[in-house]
N, C-alpha and C. Protein backbone atom coordinates (compact mmCIF):
# COMPACT_ATOMS: atom_id res chain seq x y z
N MET A 1 -6.88 12.82 -12.83
CA MET A 1 -6.98 11.39 -13.06
C MET A 1 -8.17 10.86 -12.27
N ASP A 2 -9.00 10.03 -12.93
CA ASP A 2 -10.13 9.45 -12.21
C ASP A 2 -9.63 8.36 -11.26
N PHE A 3 -10.47 8.00 -10.29
CA PHE A 3 -10.03 7.09 -9.23
C PHE A 3 -9.75 5.69 -9.76
N LYS A 4 -10.52 5.24 -10.74
CA LYS A 4 -10.30 3.90 -11.31
C LYS A 4 -8.91 3.82 -11.95
N THR A 5 -8.53 4.83 -12.69
CA THR A 5 -7.19 4.87 -13.30
C THR A 5 -6.12 4.96 -12.22
N PHE A 6 -6.38 5.77 -11.21
CA PHE A 6 -5.45 5.88 -10.09
C PHE A 6 -5.23 4.51 -9.44
N MET A 7 -6.28 3.73 -9.26
CA MET A 7 -6.15 2.42 -8.61
C MET A 7 -5.29 1.47 -9.44
N GLN A 8 -5.27 1.62 -10.73
CA GLN A 8 -4.36 0.82 -11.56
C GLN A 8 -2.92 1.22 -11.26
N GLN A 9 -2.69 2.50 -11.08
CA GLN A 9 -1.37 3.00 -10.69
C GLN A 9 -1.01 2.48 -9.30
N ARG A 10 -1.98 2.45 -8.41
CA ARG A 10 -1.75 1.93 -7.05
C ARG A 10 -1.36 0.46 -7.09
N ASP A 11 -2.01 -0.31 -7.94
CA ASP A 11 -1.70 -1.73 -8.08
C ASP A 11 -0.26 -1.93 -8.58
N ARG A 12 0.17 -1.13 -9.53
CA ARG A 12 1.55 -1.22 -10.04
C ARG A 12 2.55 -0.83 -8.94
N ALA A 13 2.19 0.14 -8.11
CA ALA A 13 3.07 0.55 -7.01
C ALA A 13 3.21 -0.57 -5.99
N ALA A 14 2.12 -1.31 -5.74
CA ALA A 14 2.17 -2.45 -4.81
C ALA A 14 3.11 -3.52 -5.35
N LEU A 15 3.07 -3.76 -6.65
CA LEU A 15 3.98 -4.74 -7.26
C LEU A 15 5.43 -4.30 -7.10
N ALA A 16 5.71 -3.05 -7.40
CA ALA A 16 7.08 -2.53 -7.25
C ALA A 16 7.56 -2.69 -5.81
N TYR A 17 6.69 -2.41 -4.86
CA TYR A 17 7.03 -2.55 -3.44
C TYR A 17 7.45 -3.99 -3.14
N CYS A 18 6.66 -4.94 -3.63
CA CYS A 18 6.96 -6.37 -3.40
C CYS A 18 8.20 -6.83 -4.14
N GLN A 19 8.72 -5.98 -5.02
CA GLN A 19 9.96 -6.27 -5.74
C GLN A 19 11.12 -5.43 -5.22
N GLY A 20 10.93 -4.83 -4.04
CA GLY A 20 12.01 -4.12 -3.37
C GLY A 20 12.11 -2.63 -3.63
N ASP A 21 11.13 -2.05 -4.35
CA ASP A 21 11.20 -0.64 -4.71
C ASP A 21 10.04 0.12 -4.06
N GLY A 22 10.31 0.86 -3.00
CA GLY A 22 9.29 1.62 -2.30
C GLY A 22 8.99 2.97 -2.91
N ARG A 23 9.75 3.38 -3.92
CA ARG A 23 9.56 4.72 -4.50
C ARG A 23 8.16 4.96 -5.09
N PRO A 24 7.58 4.01 -5.83
CA PRO A 24 6.24 4.28 -6.37
C PRO A 24 5.17 4.45 -5.28
N VAL A 25 5.25 3.68 -4.19
CA VAL A 25 4.29 3.86 -3.10
C VAL A 25 4.53 5.22 -2.46
N ASN A 26 5.77 5.58 -2.24
CA ASN A 26 6.06 6.89 -1.66
C ASN A 26 5.58 8.02 -2.55
N ALA A 27 5.68 7.86 -3.86
CA ALA A 27 5.22 8.89 -4.78
C ALA A 27 3.70 9.08 -4.70
N LEU A 28 2.98 8.03 -4.34
CA LEU A 28 1.53 8.10 -4.21
C LEU A 28 1.09 8.53 -2.82
N SER A 29 2.02 8.65 -1.90
CA SER A 29 1.71 8.96 -0.50
C SER A 29 1.75 10.46 -0.25
N THR A 30 0.92 10.88 0.70
CA THR A 30 0.87 12.29 1.05
C THR A 30 2.19 12.77 1.64
N ARG A 31 2.44 14.03 1.44
CA ARG A 31 3.57 14.70 2.10
C ARG A 31 3.07 15.55 3.26
N SER A 32 1.74 15.57 3.44
CA SER A 32 1.11 16.44 4.44
C SER A 32 0.42 15.61 5.51
N ASP A 33 0.52 16.09 6.73
CA ASP A 33 -0.22 15.46 7.83
C ASP A 33 -1.65 16.01 7.84
N PRO A 34 -2.61 15.25 8.35
CA PRO A 34 -2.45 13.98 9.02
C PRO A 34 -2.28 12.82 8.05
N ALA A 35 -1.51 11.83 8.51
CA ALA A 35 -1.30 10.58 7.78
C ALA A 35 -1.08 9.49 8.82
N SER A 36 -1.50 8.27 8.51
CA SER A 36 -1.35 7.17 9.46
C SER A 36 -1.15 5.85 8.74
N PHE A 37 -0.52 4.92 9.46
CA PHE A 37 -0.24 3.58 8.92
C PHE A 37 -0.33 2.59 10.06
N PHE A 38 -1.23 1.62 9.92
CA PHE A 38 -1.33 0.50 10.84
C PHE A 38 -0.70 -0.68 10.12
N GLY A 39 0.53 -1.02 10.50
CA GLY A 39 1.30 -2.04 9.79
C GLY A 39 0.91 -3.46 10.14
N PRO A 40 1.27 -4.40 9.27
CA PRO A 40 0.94 -5.80 9.50
C PRO A 40 1.64 -6.39 10.72
N ASP A 41 2.66 -5.70 11.23
CA ASP A 41 3.35 -6.15 12.43
C ASP A 41 2.72 -5.60 13.70
N GLY A 42 1.60 -4.89 13.57
CA GLY A 42 0.91 -4.31 14.72
C GLY A 42 1.32 -2.89 15.03
N SER A 43 2.27 -2.35 14.29
CA SER A 43 2.75 -0.99 14.54
C SER A 43 1.69 0.05 14.15
N VAL A 44 1.78 1.19 14.80
CA VAL A 44 0.93 2.34 14.48
C VAL A 44 1.87 3.53 14.27
N LEU A 45 1.86 4.08 13.07
CA LEU A 45 2.70 5.24 12.76
C LEU A 45 1.83 6.41 12.39
N GLN A 46 2.28 7.60 12.79
CA GLN A 46 1.62 8.84 12.40
C GLN A 46 2.67 9.79 11.88
N GLY A 47 2.29 10.55 10.86
CA GLY A 47 3.19 11.52 10.27
C GLY A 47 3.69 11.06 8.92
N ALA A 48 3.49 11.91 7.92
CA ALA A 48 3.81 11.55 6.54
C ALA A 48 5.27 11.14 6.36
N GLU A 49 6.19 11.85 6.94
CA GLU A 49 7.61 11.53 6.75
C GLU A 49 7.99 10.21 7.41
N LYS A 50 7.48 9.93 8.60
CA LYS A 50 7.75 8.65 9.27
C LYS A 50 7.22 7.49 8.43
N ILE A 51 6.03 7.68 7.88
CA ILE A 51 5.40 6.62 7.10
C ILE A 51 6.17 6.37 5.81
N LYS A 52 6.58 7.42 5.14
CA LYS A 52 7.36 7.23 3.90
C LYS A 52 8.67 6.51 4.20
N SER A 53 9.29 6.81 5.31
CA SER A 53 10.51 6.12 5.71
C SER A 53 10.22 4.64 5.96
N ALA A 54 9.10 4.36 6.61
CA ALA A 54 8.72 2.96 6.87
C ALA A 54 8.46 2.21 5.57
N TYR A 55 7.83 2.86 4.59
CA TYR A 55 7.60 2.21 3.29
C TYR A 55 8.93 1.89 2.60
N THR A 56 9.87 2.83 2.65
CA THR A 56 11.18 2.60 2.04
C THR A 56 11.89 1.45 2.73
N ASP A 57 11.89 1.45 4.06
CA ASP A 57 12.55 0.37 4.82
C ASP A 57 11.88 -0.97 4.57
N GLY A 58 10.55 -0.99 4.54
CA GLY A 58 9.82 -2.24 4.32
C GLY A 58 10.11 -2.84 2.96
N ALA A 59 10.08 -2.02 1.93
CA ALA A 59 10.35 -2.52 0.57
C ALA A 59 11.76 -3.05 0.44
N SER A 60 12.69 -2.45 1.15
CA SER A 60 14.10 -2.87 1.03
C SER A 60 14.34 -4.29 1.53
N MET A 61 13.40 -4.86 2.26
CA MET A 61 13.54 -6.25 2.73
C MET A 61 13.27 -7.25 1.62
N PHE A 62 12.65 -6.81 0.52
CA PHE A 62 12.21 -7.72 -0.52
C PHE A 62 13.16 -7.73 -1.71
N GLY A 63 13.31 -8.91 -2.31
CA GLY A 63 14.10 -9.05 -3.53
C GLY A 63 13.26 -8.77 -4.76
N ALA A 64 13.89 -8.88 -5.91
CA ALA A 64 13.27 -8.48 -7.18
C ALA A 64 12.24 -9.47 -7.72
N ARG A 65 12.12 -10.66 -7.14
CA ARG A 65 11.22 -11.67 -7.71
C ARG A 65 9.84 -11.69 -7.07
N GLY A 66 9.40 -10.59 -6.50
CA GLY A 66 8.10 -10.54 -5.86
C GLY A 66 6.95 -10.39 -6.83
N THR A 67 5.77 -10.74 -6.35
CA THR A 67 4.53 -10.55 -7.10
C THR A 67 3.50 -9.92 -6.18
N SER A 68 2.50 -9.31 -6.76
CA SER A 68 1.41 -8.72 -5.98
C SER A 68 0.17 -8.63 -6.85
N ARG A 69 -0.96 -8.88 -6.22
CA ARG A 69 -2.26 -8.70 -6.89
C ARG A 69 -3.23 -8.18 -5.85
N LEU A 70 -3.87 -7.04 -6.16
CA LEU A 70 -4.87 -6.48 -5.27
C LEU A 70 -6.24 -7.03 -5.65
N GLU A 71 -6.90 -7.66 -4.71
CA GLU A 71 -8.27 -8.14 -4.88
C GLU A 71 -9.18 -7.10 -4.22
N ILE A 72 -9.78 -6.27 -5.01
CA ILE A 72 -10.57 -5.16 -4.50
C ILE A 72 -11.99 -5.63 -4.22
N LEU A 73 -12.41 -5.53 -2.95
CA LEU A 73 -13.76 -5.90 -2.55
C LEU A 73 -14.70 -4.70 -2.61
N GLN A 74 -14.21 -3.53 -2.21
CA GLN A 74 -14.95 -2.28 -2.30
C GLN A 74 -13.99 -1.18 -2.72
N CYS A 75 -14.50 -0.26 -3.50
CA CYS A 75 -13.67 0.84 -3.98
C CYS A 75 -14.61 1.97 -4.38
N GLU A 76 -14.34 3.18 -3.88
CA GLU A 76 -15.22 4.29 -4.18
C GLU A 76 -14.46 5.60 -3.98
N ALA A 77 -14.87 6.60 -4.70
CA ALA A 77 -14.35 7.95 -4.51
C ALA A 77 -15.50 8.93 -4.73
N ASP A 78 -15.48 9.98 -3.92
CA ASP A 78 -16.49 11.01 -4.05
C ASP A 78 -15.83 12.33 -3.64
N GLY A 79 -15.81 13.26 -4.55
CA GLY A 79 -15.16 14.54 -4.25
C GLY A 79 -13.67 14.36 -4.06
N ASN A 80 -13.20 14.70 -2.88
CA ASN A 80 -11.77 14.65 -2.59
C ASN A 80 -11.35 13.48 -1.71
N ILE A 81 -12.24 12.51 -1.49
CA ILE A 81 -11.95 11.36 -0.65
C ILE A 81 -12.21 10.08 -1.43
N GLY A 82 -11.30 9.12 -1.30
CA GLY A 82 -11.46 7.81 -1.94
C GLY A 82 -10.94 6.73 -1.02
N TYR A 83 -11.37 5.51 -1.28
CA TYR A 83 -10.90 4.37 -0.49
C TYR A 83 -10.97 3.10 -1.30
N TRP A 84 -10.26 2.11 -0.83
CA TRP A 84 -10.47 0.75 -1.30
C TRP A 84 -10.21 -0.17 -0.11
N CYS A 85 -10.86 -1.32 -0.13
CA CYS A 85 -10.56 -2.35 0.85
C CYS A 85 -10.64 -3.69 0.14
N GLY A 86 -9.84 -4.61 0.63
CA GLY A 86 -9.80 -5.93 0.02
C GLY A 86 -8.60 -6.71 0.51
N VAL A 87 -8.04 -7.50 -0.39
CA VAL A 87 -6.97 -8.42 -0.03
C VAL A 87 -5.82 -8.23 -1.01
N GLN A 88 -4.61 -8.21 -0.47
CA GLN A 88 -3.41 -8.20 -1.30
C GLN A 88 -2.80 -9.59 -1.23
N HIS A 89 -2.68 -10.21 -2.39
CA HIS A 89 -2.04 -11.52 -2.51
C HIS A 89 -0.62 -11.26 -3.01
N ALA A 90 0.37 -11.63 -2.21
CA ALA A 90 1.75 -11.31 -2.58
C ALA A 90 2.67 -12.49 -2.34
N GLU A 91 3.68 -12.55 -3.17
CA GLU A 91 4.84 -13.42 -2.99
C GLU A 91 6.02 -12.49 -2.87
N ALA A 92 6.78 -12.65 -1.82
CA ALA A 92 7.94 -11.78 -1.62
C ALA A 92 9.19 -12.63 -1.49
N GLU A 93 10.25 -12.15 -2.09
CA GLU A 93 11.55 -12.80 -1.96
C GLU A 93 12.24 -12.17 -0.75
N ILE A 94 12.45 -12.99 0.29
CA ILE A 94 13.10 -12.53 1.52
C ILE A 94 14.27 -13.46 1.79
N ASP A 95 15.46 -12.90 1.83
CA ASP A 95 16.68 -13.69 2.06
C ASP A 95 16.79 -14.87 1.09
N GLY A 96 16.42 -14.63 -0.18
CA GLY A 96 16.56 -15.63 -1.22
C GLY A 96 15.47 -16.68 -1.28
N ARG A 97 14.48 -16.61 -0.41
CA ARG A 97 13.39 -17.59 -0.47
C ARG A 97 12.06 -16.87 -0.68
N GLN A 98 11.13 -17.54 -1.34
CA GLN A 98 9.82 -16.97 -1.62
C GLN A 98 8.89 -17.19 -0.43
N VAL A 99 8.21 -16.13 -0.02
CA VAL A 99 7.28 -16.16 1.10
C VAL A 99 5.93 -15.66 0.60
N SER A 100 4.88 -16.45 0.84
CA SER A 100 3.52 -16.04 0.46
C SER A 100 2.91 -15.20 1.58
N MET A 101 2.23 -14.14 1.18
CA MET A 101 1.54 -13.28 2.13
C MET A 101 0.16 -12.96 1.59
N THR A 102 -0.81 -13.00 2.47
CA THR A 102 -2.15 -12.54 2.15
C THR A 102 -2.51 -11.50 3.20
N LEU A 103 -2.67 -10.26 2.75
CA LEU A 103 -2.93 -9.15 3.65
C LEU A 103 -4.33 -8.60 3.45
N ARG A 104 -5.01 -8.33 4.55
CA ARG A 104 -6.27 -7.59 4.49
C ARG A 104 -5.90 -6.11 4.49
N ILE A 105 -6.45 -5.36 3.54
CA ILE A 105 -6.03 -3.97 3.33
C ILE A 105 -7.23 -3.03 3.33
N THR A 106 -7.07 -1.90 3.99
CA THR A 106 -7.96 -0.75 3.84
C THR A 106 -7.06 0.46 3.62
N GLU A 107 -7.31 1.20 2.55
CA GLU A 107 -6.54 2.41 2.29
C GLU A 107 -7.49 3.58 2.01
N LEU A 108 -7.11 4.74 2.55
CA LEU A 108 -7.86 5.97 2.34
C LEU A 108 -6.98 6.96 1.59
N PHE A 109 -7.59 7.71 0.69
CA PHE A 109 -6.88 8.67 -0.15
C PHE A 109 -7.61 10.01 -0.09
N ARG A 110 -6.86 11.07 -0.26
CA ARG A 110 -7.46 12.38 -0.44
C ARG A 110 -6.82 13.03 -1.65
N ARG A 111 -7.60 13.88 -2.29
CA ARG A 111 -7.10 14.60 -3.45
C ARG A 111 -6.31 15.82 -2.95
N GLU A 112 -5.06 15.91 -3.40
CA GLU A 112 -4.20 17.02 -3.04
C GLU A 112 -3.65 17.64 -4.31
N HIS A 113 -3.98 18.88 -4.56
CA HIS A 113 -3.53 19.59 -5.76
C HIS A 113 -3.88 18.79 -7.02
N GLY A 114 -5.05 18.16 -7.01
CA GLY A 114 -5.53 17.42 -8.17
C GLY A 114 -5.09 15.97 -8.26
N ASP A 115 -4.20 15.53 -7.36
CA ASP A 115 -3.70 14.15 -7.39
C ASP A 115 -4.22 13.37 -6.18
N TRP A 116 -4.48 12.09 -6.38
CA TRP A 116 -4.87 11.22 -5.27
C TRP A 116 -3.62 10.86 -4.47
N LYS A 117 -3.71 10.97 -3.14
CA LYS A 117 -2.58 10.67 -2.26
C LYS A 117 -3.05 9.74 -1.13
N LEU A 118 -2.23 8.75 -0.84
CA LEU A 118 -2.49 7.80 0.24
C LEU A 118 -2.28 8.51 1.58
N VAL A 119 -3.33 8.49 2.44
CA VAL A 119 -3.23 9.15 3.74
C VAL A 119 -3.40 8.18 4.90
N HIS A 120 -3.93 6.98 4.64
CA HIS A 120 -4.04 5.96 5.69
C HIS A 120 -3.99 4.58 5.06
N ARG A 121 -3.22 3.71 5.67
CA ARG A 121 -3.14 2.31 5.24
C ARG A 121 -3.26 1.44 6.48
N HIS A 122 -4.14 0.48 6.42
CA HIS A 122 -4.26 -0.54 7.46
C HIS A 122 -4.07 -1.88 6.77
N ALA A 123 -3.02 -2.59 7.18
CA ALA A 123 -2.70 -3.89 6.59
C ALA A 123 -2.47 -4.88 7.71
N ASP A 124 -3.11 -6.04 7.62
CA ASP A 124 -2.79 -7.11 8.57
C ASP A 124 -2.88 -8.44 7.85
N MET A 125 -2.23 -9.42 8.41
CA MET A 125 -2.20 -10.75 7.81
C MET A 125 -3.56 -11.40 7.92
N ALA A 126 -4.04 -11.95 6.82
CA ALA A 126 -5.29 -12.70 6.81
C ALA A 126 -5.02 -14.07 7.43
N LYS A 127 -6.04 -14.62 8.07
CA LYS A 127 -5.91 -15.96 8.63
C LYS A 127 -5.82 -16.98 7.51
N LYS A 128 -5.13 -18.06 7.75
CA LYS A 128 -5.02 -19.14 6.76
C LYS A 128 -6.41 -19.60 6.35
N GLY A 129 -6.57 -19.81 5.04
CA GLY A 129 -7.84 -20.30 4.51
C GLY A 129 -8.89 -19.21 4.31
N ALA A 130 -8.53 -17.97 4.64
CA ALA A 130 -9.51 -16.86 4.50
C ALA A 130 -9.51 -16.35 3.08
């Protein structure tokens, strides 16, 4: 699969996550170390299994009425390495109320057995008005 097509799959996985389903993000994530995640809460995680668990736990906080849109500022792949950076605009249902989130995102991918896999995610909250 070319990287542009993969990024469409990544966008759909982000939507599913914001609707409470972490499985699509986990399916796109590496099972092999090294892997890392810098979460929007300031956390730093290392290890593929820890990160997949964090994605499952994070998605479970959201209800089914979420939305997500990835605003890609840069995106490139060459050989077995790819990345994108930009902004994720999301609405998440948390405890029955809608919460708006704007996250600054950088993600790195590597090709594993012919498939693109997420190996690093850095997400933090964008400042208001950014």
